[in-house]
Amino acid sequence: MDEAERGDDLGILARRKIEAAVIAPIYDEMREAFGEEQAREVLRRAIRRAAVAAGAEMAARTPHGANLESFKAIQHLWTKDDALTIEVVADAPGVFDFNVTRCRFAETYRAMGLGAIGDILSCNRDGAFCEGYSRDIALTRTQTIMGGASHCDFRYRESKEPEPKG
């Protein structure tokens, strides 16, 4: 089944914009009810949980198993509609490094007045998605455009756990 058959023709950027429009008033109510810090934490946990589940669901649809190579093959989902401009730094077995030099997710959240929670709505998902997709893929990132850096540095590594002997 391709993206259109599954109904995935709406890009991730467009989906995130719709989600953010729904989340914004709920977040405002949470802030009013129990303060900024607790509202951010509740939102962070909910978004993280959804991202882990999305990663697991995507992995379940991966025909030959979820690994770094199959993960590389789905990167077009995040760059669709020019959502991200990336420069690949390293692409080898077990390694996938790239820098994001333009992030329309950050631009969209800021334009919506949600820049203060953009990191939770977007950046917070990246490592969590990997966690759900494959426990053998680890993401290291030290900076983000959302956080004010010139670029985001995504560094993915795959480490296969040795099979148990017995």
Protein backbone atom coordinates (compact mmCIF):
# COMPACT_ATOMS: atom_id res chain seq x y z
CA MET A 1 0.00 0.00 0.00
CA ASP A 2 1.40 3.41 -0.88
CA GLU A 3 0.87 6.70 0.99
CA ALA A 4 -2.21 7.68 -1.03
CA GLU A 5 -3.89 4.32 -0.41
CA ARG A 6 -3.38 4.71 3.33
CA GLY A 7 -4.66 8.29 3.24
CA ASP A 8 -1.23 9.69 4.07
CA ASP A 9 -1.22 12.18 1.19
CA LEU A 10 -1.46 15.03 3.72
CA GLY A 11 2.13 15.87 4.61
CA ILE A 12 3.44 15.85 8.16
CA LEU A 13 3.84 19.64 8.19
CA ALA A 14 0.16 20.12 7.30
CA ARG A 15 -0.87 17.56 9.93
CA ARG A 16 1.25 19.26 12.61
CA LYS A 17 -0.32 22.63 11.78
CA ILE A 18 -3.81 21.16 12.22
CA GLU A 19 -2.80 19.43 15.45
CA ALA A 20 -1.23 22.64 16.79
CA ALA A 21 -4.43 24.59 16.12
CA VAL A 22 -6.34 22.03 18.22
CA ILE A 23 -3.69 21.81 20.94
CA ALA A 24 -3.24 25.58 21.41
CA PRO A 25 -6.52 26.31 23.24
CA ILE A 26 -6.20 23.11 25.29
CA TYR A 27 -2.68 24.15 26.28
CA ASP A 28 -3.95 27.62 27.24
CA GLU A 29 -6.58 26.03 29.49
CA MET A 30 -3.99 23.74 31.10
CA ARG A 31 -1.71 26.74 31.78
CA GLU A 32 -4.59 28.59 33.39
CA ALA A 33 -5.63 25.57 35.45
CA PHE A 34 -2.27 24.44 36.78
CA GLY A 35 0.50 26.73 35.55
CA GLU A 36 3.04 26.91 32.75
CA GLU A 37 5.49 24.31 34.05
CA GLN A 38 2.90 21.59 34.65
CA ALA A 39 1.10 22.38 31.38
CA ARG A 40 4.39 22.00 29.46
CA GLU A 41 5.14 18.71 31.21
CA VAL A 42 1.69 17.23 30.48
CA LEU A 43 1.96 18.30 26.84
CA ARG A 44 5.52 16.92 26.60
CA ARG A 45 4.45 13.52 27.96
CA ALA A 46 1.38 13.31 25.71
CA ILE A 47 3.29 14.25 22.54
CA ARG A 48 6.13 11.87 23.42
CA ARG A 49 3.69 8.99 24.00
CA ALA A 50 2.01 9.71 20.65
CA ALA A 51 5.39 9.80 18.88
CA VAL A 52 6.49 6.44 20.34
CA ALA A 53 3.17 4.93 19.22
CA ALA A 54 3.55 6.46 15.74
CA GLY A 55 7.05 4.98 15.46
CA ALA A 56 5.81 1.54 16.49
CA GLU A 57 2.90 1.76 14.03
CA MET A 58 5.26 2.76 11.21
CA ALA A 59 7.63 -0.08 12.12
CA ALA A 60 4.75 -2.56 12.00
CA ARG A 61 4.09 -1.47 8.38
CA THR A 62 7.74 -1.89 7.37
CA PRO A 63 7.88 -5.00 5.18
CA HIS A 64 11.44 -6.16 5.90
CA GLY A 65 11.79 -5.01 9.49
CA ALA A 66 12.47 -1.66 11.10
CA ASN A 67 16.13 -0.69 11.07
CA LEU A 68 18.21 2.33 10.17
CA GLU A 69 18.12 1.52 6.45
CA SER A 70 14.31 1.38 6.39
CA PHE A 71 14.24 4.54 8.52
CA LYS A 72 16.37 6.35 5.92
CA ALA A 73 13.87 5.27 3.27
CA ILE A 74 11.00 7.08 5.00
CA GLN A 75 12.77 10.41 5.53
CA HIS A 76 10.87 11.83 2.56
CA LEU A 77 7.79 11.89 4.78
CA TRP A 78 9.38 14.63 6.92
CA THR A 79 10.76 16.65 4.01
CA LYS A 80 7.51 16.53 1.99
CA ASP A 81 6.13 19.96 1.06
CA ASP A 82 9.59 21.45 1.72
CA ALA A 83 8.95 21.03 5.44
CA LEU A 84 12.67 20.54 6.09
CA THR A 85 15.75 21.45 4.10
CA ILE A 86 18.47 18.95 4.97
CA GLU A 87 22.13 18.48 4.14
CA VAL A 88 23.31 14.89 4.55
CA VAL A 89 26.65 14.76 6.36
CA ALA A 90 27.14 10.98 6.51
CA ASP A 91 25.16 8.07 5.09
CA ALA A 92 26.68 4.65 5.62
CA PRO A 93 25.55 1.34 7.11
CA GLY A 94 24.64 2.03 10.74
CA VAL A 95 25.08 5.80 10.35
CA PHE A 96 22.82 8.59 9.15
CA ASP A 97 23.83 12.16 9.92
CA PHE A 98 22.24 15.28 8.53
CA ASN A 99 21.75 18.92 9.37
CA VAL A 100 18.43 20.67 8.99
CA THR A 101 19.16 24.11 7.59
CA ARG A 102 15.54 25.23 7.27
CA CYS A 103 12.68 24.06 9.44
CA ARG A 104 9.21 25.07 8.35
CA PHE A 105 7.85 23.38 11.47
CA ALA A 106 9.59 26.09 13.54
CA GLU A 107 8.43 28.77 11.13
CA THR A 108 4.84 27.52 11.26
CA TYR A 109 4.66 27.32 15.06
CA ARG A 110 6.15 30.80 15.41
CA ALA A 111 3.67 32.20 12.87
CA MET A 112 0.85 30.60 14.87
CA GLY A 113 2.12 32.23 18.07
CA LEU A 114 3.21 28.84 19.42
CA GLY A 115 6.98 29.31 19.28
CA ALA A 116 7.22 28.84 23.06
CA ILE A 117 5.95 25.25 22.75
CA GLY A 118 7.27 24.45 19.28
CA ASP A 119 10.02 22.32 20.77
CA ILE A 120 7.42 20.18 22.51
CA LEU A 121 5.15 19.97 19.46
CA SER A 122 7.94 19.02 17.06
CA CYS A 123 11.49 18.43 18.33
CA ASN A 124 10.24 16.37 21.28
CA ARG A 125 8.91 13.79 18.82
CA ASP A 126 12.15 12.91 17.02
CA GLY A 127 13.90 10.67 19.54
CA ALA A 128 10.59 9.27 20.79
CA PHE A 129 9.60 8.24 17.25
CA CYS A 130 12.91 6.35 16.93
CA GLU A 131 12.28 4.65 20.24
CA GLY A 132 8.98 3.30 18.94
CA TYR A 133 10.36 2.50 15.48
CA SER A 134 13.40 0.47 16.56
CA ARG A 135 15.21 0.14 19.87
CA ASP A 136 18.40 -0.29 17.84
CA ILE A 137 18.32 3.29 16.50
CA ALA A 138 19.60 6.13 18.68
CA LEU A 139 19.36 9.83 17.91
CA THR A 140 21.81 12.38 19.23
CA ARG A 141 21.05 16.03 18.65
CA THR A 142 22.77 18.92 20.39
CA GLN A 143 20.94 21.88 18.86
CA THR A 144 17.80 22.88 17.01
CA ILE A 145 16.55 25.76 14.92
CA MET A 146 13.52 25.81 17.23
CA GLY A 147 15.93 26.45 20.11
CA GLY A 148 17.61 29.32 18.27
CA ALA A 149 20.53 27.52 16.58
CA SER A 150 21.48 28.04 12.94
CA HIS A 151 20.68 24.39 12.19
CA CYS A 152 19.56 21.13 13.78
CA ASP A 153 22.19 18.39 13.97
CA PHE A 154 20.60 14.96 13.64
CA ARG A 155 22.99 12.05 14.28
CA TYR A 156 21.48 8.57 14.03
CA ARG A 157 23.33 5.39 14.96
CA GLU A 158 22.21 1.81 14.76
CA SER A 159 23.53 -0.71 17.21
CA LYS A 160 22.33 -4.24 17.01
CA GLU A 161 21.98 -6.03 20.30
CA PRO A 162 23.74 -9.40 20.22
CA GLU A 163 21.34 -12.31 20.03
CA PRO A 164 21.07 -14.13 23.38
CA LYS A 165 22.95 -17.43 23.52
CA GLY A 166 21.18 -20.43 24.74
